[in-house]
Amino acid sequence: MPTDSQEQISNSSSISHFLLLPLADTRQLQLLHFCLFLGISLAALLGNGLIISAAACGHHLHTPMFFFLLNLALTNLGSILITVPKAMHNSLWTPGPSPTQDVLLKFFFVVFCAITEYYIQTIMCYDRCVSICKPLHYGTLVGSRACAHMAAAAWASAFLYSLLHTANTFSLPLCHGNALGQFFCEIPQILKLSCSHSNLRELGVLAASACLLLSCFVFIVFSYVQIFRAVLRIPSEQRQHKAFSTCLPHLAVVSLCLSALASLHT
């Protein structure tokens, strides 16, 4: 709930800072949040650090799958470093006003990392599909140059999307104060502060984004249908199990990624 210190303003052009409200009012819950965020950050740093080190230093791991895992670890690490330290700070101390530039940059990088991660997941699905459905053409279709081009396209398109999305979101006129009920600026929080007549423009951008993400989701589903059909045609049960084992971890990560994106846009 907004506090007495919340500023009521009529236009976003006059905003010099945002107020990031704490997640809990009691000291016990604040300490609990701090411990949870600390555990999440340490686990993420350790896990992603090991993936990055192994993929970069292990010459026998210089394969397309580990190359994409390296990109995935970088995006995940970026998301954690952007959001969690501020959350830990707000759990121990009373949040102070955050300059608009800081909130804008964090908003941009959170969207950038989330969208890049989703694109990389889609590319990894393509990699698994080619590996299982067309193993004889794998070296041609998913070579080192093709991997570099796909990864570069994912990062570049996510950057452009995040830039346009950030510019559109922060150009909305705000009529309902400047207090954000989260430890970082989420899209729904900005929409709650914006004037009702200006929501249509942002909702249009979100609808276009949903169409783009839905197309990736349809591609993932179609690819896994092809994968499962190819695996079921394998005569050896042991080889079937081996093929499935390479896909199930990726499916779990895709589910987590989709959940994170859904929470970011709702």
C-alpha atoms as a PDB file:
ATOM      1  CA  MET A   1       0.000   0.000   0.000  1.00  0.00           C
ATOM      2  CA  PRO A   2       1.307   3.506  -0.774  1.00  0.00           C
ATOM      3  CA  THR A   3       2.656   5.396   2.215  1.00  0.00           C
ATOM      4  CA  ASP A   4       2.205   9.050   3.194  1.00  0.00           C
ATOM      5  CA  SER A   5       5.495   9.813   1.495  1.00  0.00           C
ATOM      6  CA  GLN A   6       4.091   8.792  -1.878  1.00  0.00           C
ATOM      7  CA  GLU A   7       4.037  11.708  -4.280  1.00  0.00           C
ATOM      8  CA  GLN A   8       0.876  12.348  -6.273  1.00  0.00           C
ATOM      9  CA  ILE A   9       1.769  13.784  -9.635  1.00  0.00           C
ATOM     10  CA  SER A  10      -0.131  14.451 -12.811  1.00  0.00           C
ATOM     11  CA  ASN A  11       2.436  13.971 -15.504  1.00  0.00           C
ATOM     12  CA  SER A  12       5.340  11.560 -16.001  1.00  0.00           C
ATOM     13  CA  SER A  13       7.541  14.397 -17.256  1.00  0.00           C
ATOM     14  CA  SER A  14       7.731  15.761 -13.693  1.00  0.00           C
ATOM     15  CA  ILE A  15       8.916  12.487 -12.161  1.00  0.00           C
ATOM     16  CA  SER A  16      12.458  12.580 -10.860  1.00  0.00           C
ATOM     17  CA  HIS A  17      12.297   9.374  -8.853  1.00  0.00           C
ATOM     18  CA  PHE A  18      10.176   6.348  -8.007  1.00  0.00           C
ATOM     19  CA  LEU A  19       9.432   4.871  -4.594  1.00  0.00           C
ATOM     20  CA  LEU A  20      10.036   1.111  -4.410  1.00  0.00           C
ATOM     21  CA  LEU A  21       7.848  -0.121  -1.576  1.00  0.00           C
ATOM     22  CA  PRO A  22       9.106  -2.939   0.723  1.00  0.00           C
ATOM     23  CA  LEU A  23       7.751  -6.454   0.238  1.00  0.00           C
ATOM     24  CA  ALA A  24       6.813  -6.837   3.927  1.00  0.00           C
ATOM     25  CA  ASP A  25       6.063  -4.585   6.884  1.00  0.00           C
ATOM     26  CA  THR A  26       7.342  -6.774   9.736  1.00  0.00           C
ATOM     27  CA  ARG A  27      11.027  -7.211  10.539  1.00  0.00           C
ATOM     28  CA  GLN A  28      10.772 -11.005  10.677  1.00  0.00           C
ATOM     29  CA  LEU A  29       9.385 -11.234   7.137  1.00  0.00           C
ATOM     30  CA  GLN A  30      11.974  -8.771   5.895  1.00  0.00           C
ATOM     31  CA  LEU A  31      14.774 -10.939   7.304  1.00  0.00           C
ATOM     32  CA  LEU A  32      13.140 -14.011   5.778  1.00  0.00           C
ATOM     33  CA  HIS A  33      13.034 -12.299   2.387  1.00  0.00           C
ATOM     34  CA  PHE A  34      16.683 -11.330   2.749  1.00  0.00           C
ATOM     35  CA  CYS A  35      17.680 -14.947   3.467  1.00  0.00           C
ATOM     36  CA  LEU A  36      15.616 -16.231   0.531  1.00  0.00           C
ATOM     37  CA  PHE A  37      17.109 -13.687  -1.867  1.00  0.00           C
ATOM     38  CA  LEU A  38      20.593 -14.439  -0.560  1.00  0.00           C
ATOM     39  CA  GLY A  39      20.116 -18.163  -1.138  1.00  0.00           C
ATOM     40  CA  ILE A  40      18.732 -17.579  -4.629  1.00  0.00           C
ATOM     41  CA  SER A  41      21.589 -15.282  -5.588  1.00  0.00           C
ATOM     42  CA  LEU A  42      24.293 -17.610  -4.256  1.00  0.00           C
ATOM     43  CA  ALA A  43      22.760 -20.638  -5.979  1.00  0.00           C
ATOM     44  CA  ALA A  44      22.423 -18.705  -9.254  1.00  0.00           C
ATOM     45  CA  LEU A  45      25.963 -17.367  -9.064  1.00  0.00           C
ATOM     46  CA  LEU A  46      27.373 -20.811  -8.332  1.00  0.00           C
ATOM     47  CA  GLY A  47      25.345 -22.701 -10.921  1.00  0.00           C
ATOM     48  CA  ASN A  48      25.713 -20.209 -13.757  1.00  0.00           C
ATOM     49  CA  GLY A  49      29.347 -19.589 -12.886  1.00  0.00           C
ATOM     50  CA  LEU A  50      30.092 -23.310 -13.189  1.00  0.00           C
ATOM     51  CA  ILE A  51      28.278 -23.500 -16.538  1.00  0.00           C
ATOM     52  CA  ILE A  52      30.126 -20.481 -17.906  1.00  0.00           C
ATOM     53  CA  SER A  53      33.506 -21.759 -16.683  1.00  0.00           C
ATOM     54  CA  ALA A  54      32.935 -25.274 -18.029  1.00  0.00           C
ATOM     55  CA  ALA A  55      31.646 -24.092 -21.414  1.00  0.00           C
ATOM     56  CA  ALA A  56      34.454 -21.551 -21.818  1.00  0.00           C
ATOM     57  CA  CYS A  57      37.393 -23.621 -20.570  1.00  0.00           C
ATOM     58  CA  GLY A  58      36.452 -27.213 -21.440  1.00  0.00           C
ATOM     59  CA  HIS A  59      37.544 -27.787 -25.040  1.00  0.00           C
ATOM     60  CA  HIS A  60      35.556 -31.038 -25.223  1.00  0.00           C
ATOM     61  CA  LEU A  61      32.437 -29.007 -24.358  1.00  0.00           C
ATOM     62  CA  HIS A  62      32.742 -26.668 -27.330  1.00  0.00           C
ATOM     63  CA  THR A  63      29.522 -27.982 -28.843  1.00  0.00           C
ATOM     64  CA  PRO A  64      26.384 -26.117 -29.979  1.00  0.00           C
ATOM     65  CA  MET A  65      24.406 -27.207 -26.904  1.00  0.00           C
ATOM     66  CA  PHE A  66      27.008 -25.924 -24.452  1.00  0.00           C
ATOM     67  CA  PHE A  67      27.456 -22.771 -26.506  1.00  0.00           C
ATOM     68  CA  PHE A  68      23.763 -22.028 -26.101  1.00  0.00           C
ATOM     69  CA  LEU A  69      23.934 -23.016 -22.424  1.00  0.00           C
ATOM     70  CA  LEU A  70      26.685 -20.422 -22.041  1.00  0.00           C
ATOM     71  CA  ASN A  71      24.428 -17.749 -23.524  1.00  0.00           C
ATOM     72  CA  LEU A  72      21.555 -18.916 -21.343  1.00  0.00           C
ATOM     73  CA  ALA A  73      23.704 -18.734 -18.209  1.00  0.00           C
ATOM     74  CA  LEU A  74      24.776 -15.186 -19.075  1.00  0.00           C
ATOM     75  CA  THR A  75      21.184 -13.994 -19.410  1.00  0.00           C
ATOM     76  CA  ASN A  76      20.144 -15.710 -16.185  1.00  0.00           C
ATOM     77  CA  LEU A  77      23.108 -14.275 -14.337  1.00  0.00           C
ATOM     78  CA  GLY A  78      22.280 -10.820 -15.662  1.00  0.00           C
ATOM     79  CA  SER A  79      18.675 -11.065 -14.449  1.00  0.00           C
ATOM     80  CA  ILE A  80      19.823 -12.059 -10.959  1.00  0.00           C
ATOM     81  CA  LEU A  81      22.458  -9.330 -10.658  1.00  0.00           C
ATOM     82  CA  ILE A  82      20.020  -6.651 -11.827  1.00  0.00           C
ATOM     83  CA  THR A  83      17.173  -7.431  -9.444  1.00  0.00           C
ATOM     84  CA  VAL A  84      18.303  -9.445  -6.413  1.00  0.00           C
ATOM     85  CA  PRO A  85      20.897  -7.073  -4.837  1.00  0.00           C
ATOM     86  CA  LYS A  86      18.315  -4.281  -4.689  1.00  0.00           C
ATOM     87  CA  ALA A  87      15.776  -6.685  -3.195  1.00  0.00           C
ATOM     88  CA  MET A  88      18.262  -7.717  -0.506  1.00  0.00           C
ATOM     89  CA  HIS A  89      18.967  -4.071   0.277  1.00  0.00           C
ATOM     90  CA  ASN A  90      15.267  -3.256   0.559  1.00  0.00           C
ATOM     91  CA  SER A  91      14.761  -6.225   2.879  1.00  0.00           C
ATOM     92  CA  LEU A  92      17.178  -4.832   5.470  1.00  0.00           C
ATOM     93  CA  TRP A  93      16.807  -1.087   5.088  1.00  0.00           C
ATOM     94  CA  THR A  94      13.905   1.221   4.339  1.00  0.00           C
ATOM     95  CA  PRO A  95      13.824   1.769   0.567  1.00  0.00           C
ATOM     96  CA  GLY A  96      14.693   5.277  -0.474  1.00  0.00           C
ATOM     97  CA  PRO A  97      13.698   7.091  -3.660  1.00  0.00           C
ATOM     98  CA  SER A  98      15.184   5.599  -6.816  1.00  0.00           C
ATOM     99  CA  PRO A  99      16.098   7.965  -9.663  1.00  0.00           C
ATOM    100  CA  THR A 100      14.012   7.507 -12.774  1.00  0.00           C
ATOM    101  CA  GLN A 101      17.140   6.728 -14.815  1.00  0.00           C
ATOM    102  CA  ASP A 102      18.018   3.790 -12.524  1.00  0.00           C
ATOM    103  CA  VAL A 103      14.498   2.382 -12.682  1.00  0.00           C
ATOM    104  CA  LEU A 104      14.439   2.778 -16.468  1.00  0.00           C
ATOM    105  CA  LEU A 105      17.769   0.989 -16.920  1.00  0.00           C
ATOM    106  CA  LYS A 106      16.758  -1.882 -14.661  1.00  0.00           C
ATOM    107  CA  PHE A 107      13.460  -2.196 -16.501  1.00  0.00           C
ATOM    108  CA  PHE A 108      15.326  -2.311 -19.826  1.00  0.00           C
ATOM    109  CA  PHE A 109      17.844  -4.941 -18.724  1.00  0.00           C
ATOM    110  CA  VAL A 110      15.235  -7.149 -17.044  1.00  0.00           C
ATOM    111  CA  VAL A 111      13.154  -7.235 -20.236  1.00  0.00           C
ATOM    112  CA  PHE A 112      16.309  -7.643 -22.338  1.00  0.00           C
ATOM    113  CA  CYS A 113      17.560 -10.642 -20.342  1.00  0.00           C
ATOM    114  CA  ALA A 114      14.118 -12.268 -20.190  1.00  0.00           C
ATOM    115  CA  ILE A 115      13.463 -11.980 -23.931  1.00  0.00           C
ATOM    116  CA  THR A 116      16.999 -13.073 -24.835  1.00  0.00           C
ATOM    117  CA  GLU A 117      16.601 -16.117 -22.597  1.00  0.00           C
ATOM    118  CA  TYR A 118      13.368 -17.053 -24.335  1.00  0.00           C
ATOM    119  CA  TYR A 119      14.953 -16.698 -27.779  1.00  0.00           C
ATOM    120  CA  ILE A 120      17.916 -18.821 -26.717  1.00  0.00           C
ATOM    121  CA  GLN A 121      15.507 -21.464 -25.423  1.00  0.00           C
ATOM    122  CA  THR A 122      13.825 -21.505 -28.826  1.00  0.00           C
ATOM    123  CA  ILE A 123      17.180 -21.924 -30.563  1.00  0.00           C
ATOM    124  CA  MET A 124      18.116 -24.753 -28.189  1.00  0.00           C
ATOM    125  CA  CYS A 125      14.860 -26.459 -29.112  1.00  0.00           C
ATOM    126  CA  TYR A 126      15.830 -26.194 -32.771  1.00  0.00           C
ATOM    127  CA  ASP A 127      19.232 -27.666 -31.904  1.00  0.00           C
ATOM    128  CA  ARG A 128      17.605 -30.672 -30.174  1.00  0.00           C
ATOM    129  CA  CYS A 129      15.192 -31.148 -33.062  1.00  0.00           C
ATOM    130  CA  VAL A 130      17.943 -31.230 -35.678  1.00  0.00           C
ATOM    131  CA  SER A 131      20.121 -33.456 -33.484  1.00  0.00           C
ATOM    132  CA  ILE A 132      17.427 -36.106 -33.102  1.00  0.00           C
ATOM    133  CA  CYS A 133      15.392 -35.786 -36.314  1.00  0.00           C
ATOM    134  CA  LYS A 134      18.235 -35.082 -38.774  1.00  0.00           C
ATOM    135  CA  PRO A 135      21.451 -36.334 -37.159  1.00  0.00           C
ATOM    136  CA  LEU A 136      23.265 -36.752 -40.487  1.00  0.00           C
ATOM    137  CA  HIS A 137      22.753 -33.051 -41.306  1.00  0.00           C
ATOM    138  CA  TYR A 138      23.491 -31.780 -37.805  1.00  0.00           C
ATOM    139  CA  GLY A 139      27.012 -30.554 -38.576  1.00  0.00           C
ATOM    140  CA  THR A 140      25.747 -28.581 -41.558  1.00  0.00           C
ATOM    141  CA  LEU A 141      22.591 -27.072 -40.065  1.00  0.00           C
ATOM    142  CA  VAL A 142      24.012 -26.301 -36.617  1.00  0.00           C
ATOM    143  CA  GLY A 143      27.660 -25.534 -37.312  1.00  0.00           C
ATOM    144  CA  SER A 144      29.771 -23.032 -35.398  1.00  0.00           C
ATOM    145  CA  ARG A 145      28.987 -20.192 -37.806  1.00  0.00           C
ATOM    146  CA  ALA A 146      25.263 -20.939 -37.749  1.00  0.00           C
ATOM    147  CA  CYS A 147      25.317 -21.017 -33.921  1.00  0.00           C
ATOM    148  CA  ALA A 148      27.070 -17.653 -33.775  1.00  0.00           C
ATOM    149  CA  HIS A 149      24.587 -16.119 -36.212  1.00  0.00           C
ATOM    150  CA  MET A 150      21.564 -17.468 -34.311  1.00  0.00           C
ATOM    151  CA  ALA A 151      22.892 -16.269 -30.961  1.00  0.00           C
ATOM    152  CA  ALA A 152      23.735 -12.834 -32.373  1.00  0.00           C
ATOM    153  CA  ALA A 153      20.243 -12.573 -33.862  1.00  0.00           C
ATOM    154  CA  ALA A 154      18.700 -13.469 -30.502  1.00  0.00           C
ATOM    155  CA  TRP A 155      20.709 -10.848 -28.593  1.00  0.00           C
ATOM    156  CA  ALA A 156      20.188  -8.138 -31.237  1.00  0.00           C
ATOM    157  CA  SER A 157      16.441  -8.669 -31.636  1.00  0.00           C
ATOM    158  CA  ALA A 158      15.958  -8.762 -27.855  1.00  0.00           C
ATOM    159  CA  PHE A 159      17.931  -5.521 -27.541  1.00  0.00           C
ATOM    160  CA  LEU A 160      15.762  -3.748 -30.126  1.00  0.00           C
ATOM    161  CA  TYR A 161      12.568  -5.074 -28.574  1.00  0.00           C
ATOM    162  CA  SER A 162      13.639  -3.994 -25.074  1.00  0.00           C
ATOM    163  CA  LEU A 163      14.666  -0.563 -26.310  1.00  0.00           C
ATOM    164  CA  LEU A 164      11.336   0.074 -28.030  1.00  0.00           C
ATOM    165  CA  HIS A 165       9.355  -1.412 -25.147  1.00  0.00           C
ATOM    166  CA  THR A 166      11.190   0.678 -22.552  1.00  0.00           C
ATOM    167  CA  ALA A 167      10.808   3.877 -24.561  1.00  0.00           C
ATOM    168  CA  ASN A 168       7.092   3.246 -25.021  1.00  0.00           C
ATOM    169  CA  THR A 169       6.441   2.288 -21.395  1.00  0.00           C
ATOM    170  CA  PHE A 170       8.261   5.231 -19.826  1.00  0.00           C
ATOM    171  CA  SER A 171       6.669   7.711 -22.215  1.00  0.00           C
ATOM    172  CA  LEU A 172       3.255   6.986 -20.695  1.00  0.00           C
ATOM    173  CA  PRO A 173       1.778   9.865 -18.654  1.00  0.00           C
ATOM    174  CA  LEU A 174       1.423   8.836 -14.995  1.00  0.00           C
ATOM    175  CA  CYS A 175      -1.584  10.047 -13.050  1.00  0.00           C
ATOM    176  CA  HIS A 176      -1.533   7.820  -9.968  1.00  0.00           C
ATOM    177  CA  GLY A 177       1.662   8.658  -8.110  1.00  0.00           C
ATOM    178  CA  ASN A 178       5.129   7.189  -8.327  1.00  0.00           C
ATOM    179  CA  ALA A 179       5.078   4.327  -5.780  1.00  0.00           C
ATOM    180  CA  LEU A 180       5.897   0.848  -7.117  1.00  0.00           C
ATOM    181  CA  GLY A 181       4.825  -2.160  -5.086  1.00  0.00           C
ATOM    182  CA  GLN A 182       7.825  -4.255  -6.148  1.00  0.00           C
ATOM    183  CA  PHE A 183      11.584  -4.253  -5.638  1.00  0.00           C
ATOM    184  CA  PHE A 184      12.045  -3.459  -9.339  1.00  0.00           C
ATOM    185  CA  CYS A 185       9.887  -1.864 -11.996  1.00  0.00           C
ATOM    186  CA  GLU A 186       7.541  -4.353 -13.643  1.00  0.00           C
ATOM    187  CA  ILE A 187       5.280  -3.638 -16.608  1.00  0.00           C
ATOM    188  CA  PRO A 188       2.001  -4.098 -14.669  1.00  0.00           C
ATOM    189  CA  GLN A 189       3.219  -1.651 -12.012  1.00  0.00           C
ATOM    190  CA  ILE A 190       3.759   1.090 -14.596  1.00  0.00           C
ATOM    191  CA  LEU A 191       0.343   0.399 -16.129  1.00  0.00           C
ATOM    192  CA  LYS A 192      -1.271   0.820 -12.700  1.00  0.00           C
ATOM    193  CA  LEU A 193       0.293   4.275 -12.400  1.00  0.00           C
ATOM    194  CA  SER A 194      -0.476   5.401 -15.938  1.00  0.00           C
ATOM    195  CA  CYS A 195      -3.536   7.364 -17.024  1.00  0.00           C
ATOM    196  CA  SER A 196      -6.373   5.149 -18.170  1.00  0.00           C
ATOM    197  CA  HIS A 197      -6.545   6.685 -21.646  1.00  0.00           C
ATOM    198  CA  SER A 198      -2.854   5.938 -22.300  1.00  0.00           C
ATOM    199  CA  ASN A 199      -3.054   2.232 -21.505  1.00  0.00           C
ATOM    200  CA  LEU A 200      -4.257   1.310 -24.990  1.00  0.00           C
ATOM    201  CA  ARG A 201      -0.892   2.119 -26.554  1.00  0.00           C
ATOM    202  CA  GLU A 202       1.021  -0.036 -24.098  1.00  0.00           C
ATOM    203  CA  LEU A 203      -1.552  -2.807 -24.346  1.00  0.00           C
ATOM    204  CA  GLY A 204      -1.051  -2.733 -28.104  1.00  0.00           C
ATOM    205  CA  VAL A 205       2.687  -3.250 -27.630  1.00  0.00           C
ATOM    206  CA  LEU A 206       2.011  -6.080 -25.199  1.00  0.00           C
ATOM    207  CA  ALA A 207      -0.360  -7.689 -27.709  1.00  0.00           C
ATOM    208  CA  ALA A 208       2.315  -7.539 -30.427  1.00  0.00           C
ATOM    209  CA  SER A 209       4.833  -8.969 -27.962  1.00  0.00           C
ATOM    210  CA  ALA A 210       2.440 -11.774 -27.085  1.00  0.00           C
ATOM    211  CA  CYS A 211       2.088 -12.656 -30.774  1.00  0.00           C
ATOM    212  CA  LEU A 212       5.866 -12.781 -31.161  1.00  0.00           C
ATOM    213  CA  LEU A 213       6.347 -14.930 -28.067  1.00  0.00           C
ATOM    214  CA  LEU A 214       3.423 -17.126 -29.065  1.00  0.00           C
ATOM    215  CA  SER A 215       5.064 -17.827 -32.414  1.00  0.00           C
ATOM    216  CA  CYS A 216       8.199 -19.005 -30.592  1.00  0.00           C
ATOM    217  CA  PHE A 217       6.054 -21.140 -28.298  1.00  0.00           C
ATOM    218  CA  VAL A 218       4.278 -22.735 -31.281  1.00  0.00           C
ATOM    219  CA  PHE A 219       7.682 -23.457 -32.833  1.00  0.00           C
ATOM    220  CA  ILE A 220       8.833 -25.122 -29.596  1.00  0.00           C
ATOM    221  CA  VAL A 221       5.692 -27.270 -29.397  1.00  0.00           C
ATOM    222  CA  PHE A 222       5.932 -28.243 -33.078  1.00  0.00           C
ATOM    223  CA  SER A 223       9.621 -29.121 -32.697  1.00  0.00           C
ATOM    224  CA  TYR A 224       8.989 -31.357 -29.697  1.00  0.00           C
ATOM    225  CA  VAL A 225       6.169 -33.106 -31.512  1.00  0.00           C
ATOM    226  CA  GLN A 226       8.666 -33.919 -34.257  1.00  0.00           C
ATOM    227  CA  ILE A 227      11.245 -34.980 -31.651  1.00  0.00           C
ATOM    228  CA  PHE A 228       8.854 -37.344 -29.857  1.00  0.00           C
ATOM    229  CA  ARG A 229       7.723 -38.851 -33.151  1.00  0.00           C
ATOM    230  CA  ALA A 230      11.346 -39.449 -34.190  1.00  0.00           C
ATOM    231  CA  VAL A 231      12.264 -40.937 -30.809  1.00  0.00           C
ATOM    232  CA  LEU A 232       9.298 -43.318 -30.802  1.00  0.00           C
ATOM    233  CA  ARG A 233      10.460 -44.657 -34.177  1.00  0.00           C
ATOM    234  CA  ILE A 234      13.839 -45.648 -32.692  1.00  0.00           C
ATOM    235  CA  PRO A 235      13.828 -49.469 -32.340  1.00  0.00           C
ATOM    236  CA  SER A 236      16.173 -49.607 -29.346  1.00  0.00           C
ATOM    237  CA  GLU A 237      14.541 -48.782 -26.004  1.00  0.00           C
ATOM    238  CA  GLN A 238      17.902 -47.770 -24.558  1.00  0.00           C
ATOM    239  CA  ARG A 239      18.468 -45.260 -27.354  1.00  0.00           C
ATOM    240  CA  GLN A 240      14.947 -43.932 -26.858  1.00  0.00           C
ATOM    241  CA  HIS A 241      15.684 -43.313 -23.193  1.00  0.00           C
ATOM    242  CA  LYS A 242      18.965 -41.587 -24.075  1.00  0.00           C
ATOM    243  CA  ALA A 243      17.253 -39.315 -26.596  1.00  0.00           C
ATOM    244  CA  PHE A 244      14.495 -38.409 -24.142  1.00  0.00           C
ATOM    245  CA  SER A 245      17.039 -37.684 -21.414  1.00  0.00           C
ATOM    246  CA  THR A 246      18.620 -34.957 -23.561  1.00  0.00           C
ATOM    247  CA  CYS A 247      15.257 -33.229 -24.003  1.00  0.00           C
ATOM    248  CA  LEU A 248      13.600 -33.407 -20.575  1.00  0.00           C
ATOM    249  CA  PRO A 249      15.998 -30.947 -18.843  1.00  0.00           C
ATOM    250  CA  HIS A 250      15.450 -28.465 -21.665  1.00  0.00           C
ATOM    251  CA  LEU A 251      11.678 -28.855 -21.343  1.00  0.00           C
ATOM    252  CA  ALA A 252      11.924 -28.103 -17.619  1.00  0.00           C
ATOM    253  CA  VAL A 253      13.961 -24.947 -18.260  1.00  0.00           C
ATOM    254  CA  VAL A 254      11.527 -23.829 -20.976  1.00  0.00           C
ATOM    255  CA  SER A 255       8.643 -24.196 -18.513  1.00  0.00           C
ATOM    256  CA  LEU A 256      10.460 -22.057 -15.942  1.00  0.00           C
ATOM    257  CA  CYS A 257      11.284 -19.458 -18.590  1.00  0.00           C
ATOM    258  CA  LEU A 258       7.654 -19.267 -19.737  1.00  0.00           C
ATOM    259  CA  SER A 259       6.492 -18.887 -16.140  1.00  0.00           C
ATOM    260  CA  ALA A 260       8.929 -16.024 -15.579  1.00  0.00           C
ATOM    261  CA  LEU A 261       7.824 -14.253 -18.755  1.00  0.00           C
ATOM    262  CA  ALA A 262       4.179 -14.673 -17.837  1.00  0.00           C
ATOM    263  CA  SER A 263       4.762 -13.127 -14.410  1.00  0.00           C
ATOM    264  CA  LEU A 264       6.680 -10.259 -16.041  1.00  0.00           C
ATOM    265  CA  HIS A 265       3.797  -9.324 -18.350  1.00  0.00           C
ATOM    266  CA  THR A 266       0.819  -9.973 -16.046  1.00  0.00           C
END
